[in-house]
Amino acid sequence: MGERKKWPMDRVYADPQKGSKRSGRAIELTTAGTSEDLTRLGIELTDGLLLRMWADDADDQGHPDPLIFEGTARWDAEENCWVADVNREAIRHASDEG
């Protein structure tokens, strides 16, 4: 598998498929890409922190068209990790932003 794209620069990578086992709205913030972006952006997770996030995706022709979305960070004591509560209906492609 190739190196993860570094786009968009002002967002934190998060994998929407790494959903919290307990909550369908929460996305676990446990991937290496998430950790790399948090470090690069100088972000320390705190409860209630609003995050702008992205995930790899492509259009119908296979061209990169990342998913972009927002969520609120919180510590999930039951899962023992940081998660972001996300409105999954608001996940969109970067190309939809115009």
PDB file of N, CA and C in Angstrom:
ATOM      1  N   MET A   1       0.846  -1.186   0.000  1.00  0.00           N
ATOM      2  CA  MET A   1       0.000   0.000   0.000  1.00  0.00           C
ATOM      3  C   MET A   1       0.883   1.238   0.000  1.00  0.00           C
ATOM      4  N   GLY A   2       0.525   2.251  -0.780  1.00  0.00           N
ATOM      5  CA  GLY A   2       1.326   3.463  -0.919  1.00  0.00           C
ATOM      6  C   GLY A   2       1.218   4.373   0.283  1.00  0.00           C
ATOM      7  N   GLU A   3       2.071   5.396   0.262  1.00  0.00           N
ATOM      8  CA  GLU A   3       2.059   6.365   1.342  1.00  0.00           C
ATOM      9  C   GLU A   3       0.761   7.164   1.318  1.00  0.00           C
ATOM     10  N   ARG A   4       0.252   7.430   2.503  1.00  0.00           N
ATOM     11  CA  ARG A   4      -0.983   8.194   2.655  1.00  0.00           C
ATOM     12  C   ARG A   4      -0.781   9.601   2.134  1.00  0.00           C
ATOM     13  N   LYS A   5      -1.767  10.100   1.400  1.00  0.00           N
ATOM     14  CA  LYS A   5      -1.709  11.473   0.883  1.00  0.00           C
ATOM     15  C   LYS A   5      -1.748  12.454   2.047  1.00  0.00           C
ATOM     16  N   LYS A   6      -1.137  13.594   1.873  1.00  0.00           N
ATOM     17  CA  LYS A   6      -1.073  14.636   2.899  1.00  0.00           C
ATOM     18  C   LYS A   6      -2.055  15.764   2.574  1.00  0.00           C
ATOM     19  N   TRP A   7      -3.302  15.447   2.347  1.00  0.00           N
ATOM     20  CA  TRP A   7      -4.276  16.457   1.961  1.00  0.00           C
ATOM     21  C   TRP A   7      -5.534  16.277   2.764  1.00  0.00           C
ATOM     22  N   PRO A   8      -6.276  17.285   3.069  1.00  0.00           N
ATOM     23  CA  PRO A   8      -5.909  18.701   3.061  1.00  0.00           C
ATOM     24  C   PRO A   8      -5.065  19.045   4.284  1.00  0.00           C
ATOM     25  N   MET A   9      -4.267  20.061   4.143  1.00  0.00           N
ATOM     26  CA  MET A   9      -3.244  20.359   5.137  1.00  0.00           C
ATOM     27  C   MET A   9      -3.797  20.850   6.480  1.00  0.00           C
ATOM     28  N   ASP A  10      -4.990  21.416   6.493  1.00  0.00           N
ATOM     29  CA  ASP A  10      -5.510  21.968   7.743  1.00  0.00           C
ATOM     30  C   ASP A  10      -6.474  21.006   8.442  1.00  0.00           C
ATOM     31  N   ARG A  11      -6.518  19.774   8.011  1.00  0.00           N
ATOM     32  CA  ARG A  11      -7.428  18.793   8.593  1.00  0.00           C
ATOM     33  C   ARG A  11      -6.660  17.606   9.164  1.00  0.00           C
ATOM     34  N   VAL A  12      -7.312  16.900  10.078  1.00  0.00           N
ATOM     35  CA  VAL A  12      -6.742  15.721  10.720  1.00  0.00           C
ATOM     36  C   VAL A  12      -7.318  14.478  10.043  1.00  0.00           C
ATOM     37  N   TYR A  13      -6.441  13.554   9.680  1.00  0.00           N
ATOM     38  CA  TYR A  13      -6.902  12.310   9.066  1.00  0.00           C
ATOM     39  C   TYR A  13      -7.696  11.500  10.096  1.00  0.00           C
ATOM     40  N   ALA A  14      -8.820  10.950   9.676  1.00  0.00           N
ATOM     41  CA  ALA A  14      -9.615  10.041  10.505  1.00  0.00           C
ATOM     42  C   ALA A  14     -10.323   9.065   9.568  1.00  0.00           C
ATOM     43  N   ASP A  15     -10.379   7.824   9.959  1.00  0.00           N
ATOM     44  CA  ASP A  15     -10.983   6.794   9.126  1.00  0.00           C
ATOM     45  C   ASP A  15     -12.424   6.562   9.564  1.00  0.00           C
ATOM     46  N   PRO A  16     -13.416   7.005   8.759  1.00  0.00           N
ATOM     47  CA  PRO A  16     -14.817   6.836   9.151  1.00  0.00           C
ATOM     48  C   PRO A  16     -15.222   5.376   9.346  1.00  0.00           C
ATOM     49  N   GLN A  17     -14.440   4.456   8.807  1.00  0.00           N
ATOM     50  CA  GLN A  17     -14.754   3.035   8.976  1.00  0.00           C
ATOM     51  C   GLN A  17     -14.269   2.495  10.317  1.00  0.00           C
ATOM     52  N   LYS A  18     -13.496   3.296  11.060  1.00  0.00           N
ATOM     53  CA  LYS A  18     -13.070   2.905  12.408  1.00  0.00           C
ATOM     54  C   LYS A  18     -14.066   3.455  13.422  1.00  0.00           C
ATOM     55  N   GLY A  19     -15.303   3.063  13.237  1.00  0.00           N
ATOM     56  CA  GLY A  19     -16.359   3.542  14.121  1.00  0.00           C
ATOM     57  C   GLY A  19     -16.251   2.952  15.514  1.00  0.00           C
ATOM     58  N   SER A  20     -16.712   3.708  16.457  1.00  0.00           N
ATOM     59  CA  SER A  20     -16.765   3.256  17.836  1.00  0.00           C
ATOM     60  C   SER A  20     -17.714   2.065  17.924  1.00  0.00           C
ATOM     61  N   LYS A  21     -17.340   1.072  18.683  1.00  0.00           N
ATOM     62  CA  LYS A  21     -18.186  -0.115  18.844  1.00  0.00           C
ATOM     63  C   LYS A  21     -19.487   0.228  19.560  1.00  0.00           C
ATOM     64  N   ARG A  22     -19.433   1.250  20.389  1.00  0.00           N
ATOM     65  CA  ARG A  22     -20.563   1.601  21.229  1.00  0.00           C
ATOM     66  C   ARG A  22     -21.478   2.647  20.581  1.00  0.00           C
ATOM     67  N   SER A  23     -20.910   3.481  19.760  1.00  0.00           N
ATOM     68  CA  SER A  23     -21.679   4.579  19.185  1.00  0.00           C
ATOM     69  C   SER A  23     -21.465   4.636  17.685  1.00  0.00           C
ATOM     70  N   GLY A  24     -22.525   4.577  16.918  1.00  0.00           N
ATOM     71  CA  GLY A  24     -22.418   4.658  15.473  1.00  0.00           C
ATOM     72  C   GLY A  24     -21.980   6.023  14.984  1.00  0.00           C
ATOM     73  N   ARG A  25     -22.083   7.044  15.828  1.00  0.00           N
ATOM     74  CA  ARG A  25     -21.697   8.402  15.419  1.00  0.00           C
ATOM     75  C   ARG A  25     -20.218   8.681  15.648  1.00  0.00           C
ATOM     76  N   ALA A  26     -19.594   7.972  16.554  1.00  0.00           N
ATOM     77  CA  ALA A  26     -18.215   8.273  16.929  1.00  0.00           C
ATOM     78  C   ALA A  26     -17.227   7.523  16.046  1.00  0.00           C
ATOM     79  N   ILE A  27     -16.130   8.199  15.727  1.00  0.00           N
ATOM     80  CA  ILE A  27     -15.034   7.620  14.961  1.00  0.00           C
ATOM     81  C   ILE A  27     -13.819   7.576  15.886  1.00  0.00           C
ATOM     82  N   GLU A  28     -13.187   6.413  15.981  1.00  0.00           N
ATOM     83  CA  GLU A  28     -11.991   6.302  16.806  1.00  0.00           C
ATOM     84  C   GLU A  28     -10.848   7.097  16.184  1.00  0.00           C
ATOM     85  N   LEU A  29     -10.131   7.813  17.015  1.00  0.00           N
ATOM     86  CA  LEU A  29      -8.988   8.616  16.565  1.00  0.00           C
ATOM     87  C   LEU A  29      -7.699   7.882  16.906  1.00  0.00           C
ATOM     88  N   THR A  30      -7.562   6.668  16.375  1.00  0.00           N
ATOM     89  CA  THR A  30      -6.481   5.782  16.784  1.00  0.00           C
ATOM     90  C   THR A  30      -5.518   5.406  15.659  1.00  0.00           C
ATOM     91  N   THR A  31      -5.724   5.911  14.446  1.00  0.00           N
ATOM     92  CA  THR A  31      -4.852   5.492  13.346  1.00  0.00           C
ATOM     93  C   THR A  31      -3.517   6.235  13.384  1.00  0.00           C
ATOM     94  N   ALA A  32      -2.528   5.655  12.715  1.00  0.00           N
ATOM     95  CA  ALA A  32      -1.223   6.311  12.609  1.00  0.00           C
ATOM     96  C   ALA A  32      -1.365   7.648  11.888  1.00  0.00           C
ATOM     97  N   GLY A  33      -2.212   7.705  10.856  1.00  0.00           N
ATOM     98  CA  GLY A  33      -2.426   8.955  10.117  1.00  0.00           C
ATOM     99  C   GLY A  33      -3.001  10.046  11.000  1.00  0.00           C
ATOM    100  N   THR A  34      -3.918   9.667  11.905  1.00  0.00           N
ATOM    101  CA  THR A  34      -4.479  10.642  12.844  1.00  0.00           C
ATOM    102  C   THR A  34      -3.388  11.190  13.744  1.00  0.00           C
ATOM    103  N   SER A  35      -2.579  10.291  14.292  1.00  0.00           N
ATOM    104  CA  SER A  35      -1.493  10.700  15.181  1.00  0.00           C
ATOM    105  C   SER A  35      -0.500  11.610  14.459  1.00  0.00           C
ATOM    106  N   GLU A  36      -0.151  11.271  13.218  1.00  0.00           N
ATOM    107  CA  GLU A  36       0.782  12.091  12.434  1.00  0.00           C
ATOM    108  C   GLU A  36       0.230  13.491  12.209  1.00  0.00           C
ATOM    109  N   ASP A  37      -1.049  13.586  11.841  1.00  0.00           N
ATOM    110  CA  ASP A  37      -1.629  14.904  11.580  1.00  0.00           C
ATOM    111  C   ASP A  37      -1.775  15.723  12.853  1.00  0.00           C
ATOM    112  N   LEU A  38      -2.151  15.095  13.959  1.00  0.00           N
ATOM    113  CA  LEU A  38      -2.253  15.826  15.227  1.00  0.00           C
ATOM    114  C   LEU A  38      -0.894  16.402  15.607  1.00  0.00           C
ATOM    115  N   THR A  39       0.154  15.608  15.440  1.00  0.00           N
ATOM    116  CA  THR A  39       1.515  16.079  15.747  1.00  0.00           C
ATOM    117  C   THR A  39       1.909  17.211  14.804  1.00  0.00           C
ATOM    118  N   ARG A  40       1.683  17.013  13.499  1.00  0.00           N
ATOM    119  CA  ARG A  40       2.063  18.019  12.498  1.00  0.00           C
ATOM    120  C   ARG A  40       1.372  19.350  12.764  1.00  0.00           C
ATOM    121  N   LEU A  41       0.096  19.292  13.169  1.00  0.00           N
ATOM    122  CA  LEU A  41      -0.680  20.506  13.402  1.00  0.00           C
ATOM    123  C   LEU A  41      -0.530  21.050  14.824  1.00  0.00           C
ATOM    124  N   GLY A  42       0.185  20.335  15.688  1.00  0.00           N
ATOM    125  CA  GLY A  42       0.371  20.784  17.071  1.00  0.00           C
ATOM    126  C   GLY A  42      -0.900  20.737  17.885  1.00  0.00           C
ATOM    127  N   ILE A  43      -1.750  19.759  17.612  1.00  0.00           N
ATOM    128  CA  ILE A  43      -3.038  19.649  18.302  1.00  0.00           C
ATOM    129  C   ILE A  43      -2.939  18.608  19.408  1.00  0.00           C
ATOM    130  N   GLU A  44      -3.365  18.986  20.611  1.00  0.00           N
ATOM    131  CA  GLU A  44      -3.496  18.049  21.711  1.00  0.00           C
ATOM    132  C   GLU A  44      -4.994  17.842  21.939  1.00  0.00           C
ATOM    133  N   LEU A  45      -5.430  16.591  21.885  1.00  0.00           N
ATOM    134  CA  LEU A  45      -6.857  16.313  22.031  1.00  0.00           C
ATOM    135  C   LEU A  45      -7.340  16.651  23.431  1.00  0.00           C
ATOM    136  N   THR A  46      -8.496  17.324  23.482  1.00  0.00           N
ATOM    137  CA  THR A  46      -9.164  17.635  24.732  1.00  0.00           C
ATOM    138  C   THR A  46     -10.654  17.422  24.509  1.00  0.00           C
ATOM    139  N   ASP A  47     -11.376  17.107  25.575  1.00  0.00           N
ATOM    140  CA  ASP A  47     -12.826  16.941  25.453  1.00  0.00           C
ATOM    141  C   ASP A  47     -13.460  18.218  24.933  1.00  0.00           C
ATOM    142  N   GLY A  48     -14.296  18.063  23.918  1.00  0.00           N
ATOM    143  CA  GLY A  48     -15.012  19.200  23.356  1.00  0.00           C
ATOM    144  C   GLY A  48     -14.301  19.917  22.223  1.00  0.00           C
ATOM    145  N   LEU A  49     -13.070  19.497  21.890  1.00  0.00           N
ATOM    146  CA  LEU A  49     -12.314  20.140  20.825  1.00  0.00           C
ATOM    147  C   LEU A  49     -12.964  19.839  19.473  1.00  0.00           C
ATOM    148  N   LEU A  50     -13.268  20.887  18.712  1.00  0.00           N
ATOM    149  CA  LEU A  50     -13.820  20.719  17.375  1.00  0.00           C
ATOM    150  C   LEU A  50     -12.686  20.410  16.415  1.00  0.00           C
ATOM    151  N   LEU A  51     -12.831  19.304  15.661  1.00  0.00           N
ATOM    152  CA  LEU A  51     -11.812  18.888  14.702  1.00  0.00           C
ATOM    153  C   LEU A  51     -12.360  18.942  13.289  1.00  0.00           C
ATOM    154  N   ARG A  52     -11.534  19.433  12.379  1.00  0.00           N
ATOM    155  CA  ARG A  52     -11.812  19.348  10.945  1.00  0.00           C
ATOM    156  C   ARG A  52     -11.033  18.136  10.460  1.00  0.00           C
ATOM    157  N   MET A  53     -11.720  17.160   9.840  1.00  0.00           N
ATOM    158  CA  MET A  53     -11.093  15.893   9.501  1.00  0.00           C
ATOM    159  C   MET A  53     -11.249  15.563   8.025  1.00  0.00           C
ATOM    160  N   TRP A  54     -10.472  14.576   7.588  1.00  0.00           N
ATOM    161  CA  TRP A  54     -10.529  14.116   6.207  1.00  0.00           C
ATOM    162  C   TRP A  54     -10.198  12.625   6.163  1.00  0.00           C
ATOM    163  N   ALA A  55     -10.570  11.998   5.043  1.00  0.00           N
ATOM    164  CA  ALA A  55     -10.246  10.592   4.802  1.00  0.00           C
ATOM    165  C   ALA A  55     -10.041  10.396   3.308  1.00  0.00           C
ATOM    166  N   ASP A  56      -9.177   9.451   2.959  1.00  0.00           N
ATOM    167  CA  ASP A  56      -8.934   9.136   1.550  1.00  0.00           C
ATOM    168  C   ASP A  56     -10.214   8.649   0.880  1.00  0.00           C
ATOM    169  N   ASP A  57     -10.440   9.086  -0.348  1.00  0.00           N
ATOM    170  CA  ASP A  57     -11.519   8.574  -1.189  1.00  0.00           C
ATOM    171  C   ASP A  57     -11.212   9.014  -2.614  1.00  0.00           C
ATOM    172  N   ALA A  58     -12.002   8.544  -3.549  1.00  0.00           N
ATOM    173  CA  ALA A  58     -11.787   8.877  -4.955  1.00  0.00           C
ATOM    174  C   ALA A  58     -13.137   9.073  -5.638  1.00  0.00           C
ATOM    175  N   ASP A  59     -13.111   9.794  -6.771  1.00  0.00           N
ATOM    176  CA  ASP A  59     -14.330   9.957  -7.558  1.00  0.00           C
ATOM    177  C   ASP A  59     -14.539   8.716  -8.427  1.00  0.00           C
ATOM    178  N   ASP A  60     -15.567   8.732  -9.252  1.00  0.00           N
ATOM    179  CA  ASP A  60     -15.907   7.578 -10.082  1.00  0.00           C
ATOM    180  C   ASP A  60     -14.821   7.220 -11.090  1.00  0.00           C
ATOM    181  N   GLN A  61     -13.965   8.179 -11.422  1.00  0.00           N
ATOM    182  CA  GLN A  61     -12.872   7.922 -12.363  1.00  0.00           C
ATOM    183  C   GLN A  61     -11.579   7.518 -11.651  1.00  0.00           C
ATOM    184  N   GLY A  62     -11.622   7.424 -10.336  1.00  0.00           N
ATOM    185  CA  GLY A  62     -10.445   7.028  -9.576  1.00  0.00           C
ATOM    186  C   GLY A  62      -9.519   8.159  -9.182  1.00  0.00           C
ATOM    187  N   HIS A  63      -9.915   9.406  -9.435  1.00  0.00           N
ATOM    188  CA  HIS A  63      -9.100  10.557  -9.047  1.00  0.00           C
ATOM    189  C   HIS A  63      -9.327  10.863  -7.563  1.00  0.00           C
ATOM    190  N   PRO A  64      -8.283  11.269  -6.850  1.00  0.00           N
ATOM    191  CA  PRO A  64      -8.440  11.583  -5.429  1.00  0.00           C
ATOM    192  C   PRO A  64      -9.527  12.637  -5.201  1.00  0.00           C
ATOM    193  N   ASP A  65     -10.433  12.350  -4.282  1.00  0.00           N
ATOM    194  CA  ASP A  65     -11.495  13.271  -3.882  1.00  0.00           C
ATOM    195  C   ASP A  65     -11.796  12.974  -2.410  1.00  0.00           C
ATOM    196  N   PRO A  66     -10.950  13.485  -1.518  1.00  0.00           N
ATOM    197  CA  PRO A  66     -11.059  13.142  -0.102  1.00  0.00           C
ATOM    198  C   PRO A  66     -12.435  13.452   0.483  1.00  0.00           C
ATOM    199  N   LEU A  67     -12.815  12.650   1.469  1.00  0.00           N
ATOM    200  CA  LEU A  67     -13.985  12.948   2.286  1.00  0.00           C
ATOM    201  C   LEU A  67     -13.572  13.990   3.309  1.00  0.00           C
ATOM    202  N   ILE A  68     -14.443  14.940   3.601  1.00  0.00           N
ATOM    203  CA  ILE A  68     -14.167  15.938   4.625  1.00  0.00           C
ATOM    204  C   ILE A  68     -15.360  16.009   5.562  1.00  0.00           C
ATOM    205  N   PHE A  69     -15.059  16.267   6.836  1.00  0.00           N
ATOM    206  CA  PHE A  69     -16.117  16.270   7.848  1.00  0.00           C
ATOM    207  C   PHE A  69     -15.586  16.899   9.129  1.00  0.00           C
ATOM    208  N   GLU A  70     -16.490  17.199  10.034  1.00  0.00           N
ATOM    209  CA  GLU A  70     -16.144  17.806  11.305  1.00  0.00           C
ATOM    210  C   GLU A  70     -16.651  16.899  12.422  1.00  0.00           C
ATOM    211  N   GLY A  71     -16.022  17.020  13.575  1.00  0.00           N
ATOM    212  CA  GLY A  71     -16.459  16.247  14.731  1.00  0.00           C
ATOM    213  C   GLY A  71     -15.912  16.853  16.006  1.00  0.00           C
ATOM    214  N   THR A  72     -16.451  16.387  17.120  1.00  0.00           N
ATOM    215  CA  THR A  72     -16.052  16.877  18.433  1.00  0.00           C
ATOM    216  C   THR A  72     -15.333  15.763  19.181  1.00  0.00           C
ATOM    217  N   ALA A  73     -14.111  16.040  19.611  1.00  0.00           N
ATOM    218  CA  ALA A  73     -13.301  15.043  20.308  1.00  0.00           C
ATOM    219  C   ALA A  73     -13.806  14.823  21.723  1.00  0.00           C
ATOM    220  N   ARG A  74     -13.653  13.576  22.164  1.00  0.00           N
ATOM    221  CA  ARG A  74     -13.926  13.244  23.566  1.00  0.00           C
ATOM    222  C   ARG A  74     -13.198  11.955  23.910  1.00  0.00           C
ATOM    223  N   TRP A  75     -12.847  11.809  25.185  1.00  0.00           N
ATOM    224  CA  TRP A  75     -12.230  10.580  25.660  1.00  0.00           C
ATOM    225  C   TRP A  75     -13.336   9.580  25.933  1.00  0.00           C
ATOM    226  N   ASP A  76     -13.230   8.388  25.360  1.00  0.00           N
ATOM    227  CA  ASP A  76     -14.205   7.326  25.579  1.00  0.00           C
ATOM    228  C   ASP A  76     -13.588   6.340  26.568  1.00  0.00           C
ATOM    229  N   ALA A  77     -14.015   6.436  27.822  1.00  0.00           N
ATOM    230  CA  ALA A  77     -13.432   5.604  28.877  1.00  0.00           C
ATOM    231  C   ALA A  77     -13.719   4.125  28.663  1.00  0.00           C
ATOM    232  N   GLU A  78     -14.876   3.793  28.097  1.00  0.00           N
ATOM    233  CA  GLU A  78     -15.210   2.383  27.868  1.00  0.00           C
ATOM    234  C   GLU A  78     -14.323   1.766  26.795  1.00  0.00           C
ATOM    235  N   GLU A  79     -13.991   2.538  25.767  1.00  0.00           N
ATOM    236  CA  GLU A  79     -13.140   2.024  24.699  1.00  0.00           C
ATOM    237  C   GLU A  79     -11.672   2.375  24.918  1.00  0.00           C
ATOM    238  N   ASN A  80     -11.417   3.195  25.935  1.00  0.00           N
ATOM    239  CA  ASN A  80     -10.064   3.582  26.317  1.00  0.00           C
ATOM    240  C   ASN A  80      -9.301   4.229  25.159  1.00  0.00           C
ATOM    241  N   CYS A  81      -9.973   5.162  24.465  1.00  0.00           N
ATOM    242  CA  CYS A  81      -9.319   5.877  23.374  1.00  0.00           C
ATOM    243  C   CYS A  81     -10.087   7.167  23.087  1.00  0.00           C
ATOM    244  N   TRP A  82      -9.419   8.054  22.330  1.00  0.00           N
ATOM    245  CA  TRP A  82     -10.077   9.267  21.868  1.00  0.00           C
ATOM    246  C   TRP A  82     -10.978   8.926  20.691  1.00  0.00           C
ATOM    247  N   VAL A  83     -12.140   9.555  20.658  1.00  0.00           N
ATOM    248  CA  VAL A  83     -13.069   9.415  19.544  1.00  0.00           C
ATOM    249  C   VAL A  83     -13.538  10.813  19.152  1.00  0.00           C
ATOM    250  N   ALA A  84     -14.148  10.897  17.981  1.00  0.00           N
ATOM    251  CA  ALA A  84     -14.786  12.145  17.554  1.00  0.00           C
ATOM    252  C   ALA A  84     -16.231  11.826  17.225  1.00  0.00           C
ATOM    253  N   ASP A  85     -17.144  12.573  17.817  1.00  0.00           N
ATOM    254  CA  ASP A  85     -18.561  12.442  17.478  1.00  0.00           C
ATOM    255  C   ASP A  85     -18.785  13.199  16.182  1.00  0.00           C
ATOM    256  N   VAL A  86     -19.299  12.490  15.177  1.00  0.00           N
ATOM    257  CA  VAL A  86     -19.439  13.026  13.828  1.00  0.00           C
ATOM    258  C   VAL A  86     -20.869  12.834  13.349  1.00  0.00           C
ATOM    259  N   ASN A  87     -21.410  13.852  12.704  1.00  0.00           N
ATOM    260  CA  ASN A  87     -22.681  13.710  12.007  1.00  0.00           C
ATOM    261  C   ASN A  87     -22.367  13.064  10.667  1.00  0.00           C
ATOM    262  N   ARG A  88     -22.594  11.782  10.557  1.00  0.00           N
ATOM    263  CA  ARG A  88     -22.200  11.045   9.354  1.00  0.00           C
ATOM    264  C   ARG A  88     -22.939  11.520   8.109  1.00  0.00           C
ATOM    265  N   GLU A  89     -24.114  12.106   8.266  1.00  0.00           N
ATOM    266  CA  GLU A  89     -24.828  12.645   7.105  1.00  0.00           C
ATOM    267  C   GLU A  89     -24.138  13.877   6.537  1.00  0.00           C
ATOM    268  N   ALA A  90     -23.265  14.497   7.324  1.00  0.00           N
ATOM    269  CA  ALA A  90     -22.563  15.707   6.882  1.00  0.00           C
ATOM    270  C   ALA A  90     -21.205  15.396   6.248  1.00  0.00           C
ATOM    271  N   ILE A  91     -20.834  14.119   6.160  1.00  0.00           N
ATOM    272  CA  ILE A  91     -19.581  13.758   5.484  1.00  0.00           C
ATOM    273  C   ILE A  91     -19.779  14.001   3.997  1.00  0.00           C
ATOM    274  N   ARG A  92     -18.822  14.693   3.398  1.00  0.00           N
ATOM    275  CA  ARG A  92     -18.946  15.065   1.994  1.00  0.00           C
ATOM    276  C   ARG A  92     -17.594  14.952   1.305  1.00  0.00           C
ATOM    277  N   HIS A  93     -17.608  15.027  -0.008  1.00  0.00           N
ATOM    278  CA  HIS A  93     -16.357  15.028  -0.775  1.00  0.00           C
ATOM    279  C   HIS A  93     -15.821  16.450  -0.874  1.00  0.00           C
ATOM    280  N   ALA A  94     -14.501  16.561  -0.968  1.00  0.00           N
ATOM    281  CA  ALA A  94     -13.873  17.867  -1.118  1.00  0.00           C
ATOM    282  C   ALA A  94     -14.412  18.581  -2.357  1.00  0.00           C
ATOM    283  N   SER A  95     -14.684  17.845  -3.431  1.00  0.00           N
ATOM    284  CA  SER A  95     -15.192  18.450  -4.649  1.00  0.00           C
ATOM    285  C   SER A  95     -16.567  19.082  -4.455  1.00  0.00           C
ATOM    286  N   ASP A  96     -17.295  18.659  -3.413  1.00  0.00           N
ATOM    287  CA  ASP A  96     -18.607  19.257  -3.146  1.00  0.00           C
ATOM    288  C   ASP A  96     -18.502  20.653  -2.549  1.00  0.00           C
ATOM    289  N   GLU A  97     -17.319  21.014  -2.093  1.00  0.00           N
ATOM    290  CA  GLU A  97     -17.110  22.322  -1.473  1.00  0.00           C
ATOM    291  C   GLU A  97     -17.018  23.444  -2.506  1.00  0.00           C
ATOM    292  N   GLY A  98     -16.925  23.062  -3.772  1.00  0.00           N
ATOM    293  CA  GLY A  98     -16.917  24.066  -4.837  1.00  0.00           C
ATOM    294  C   GLY A  98     -15.585  24.500  -5.173  1.00  0.00           C
TER     295      GLY A  98
END
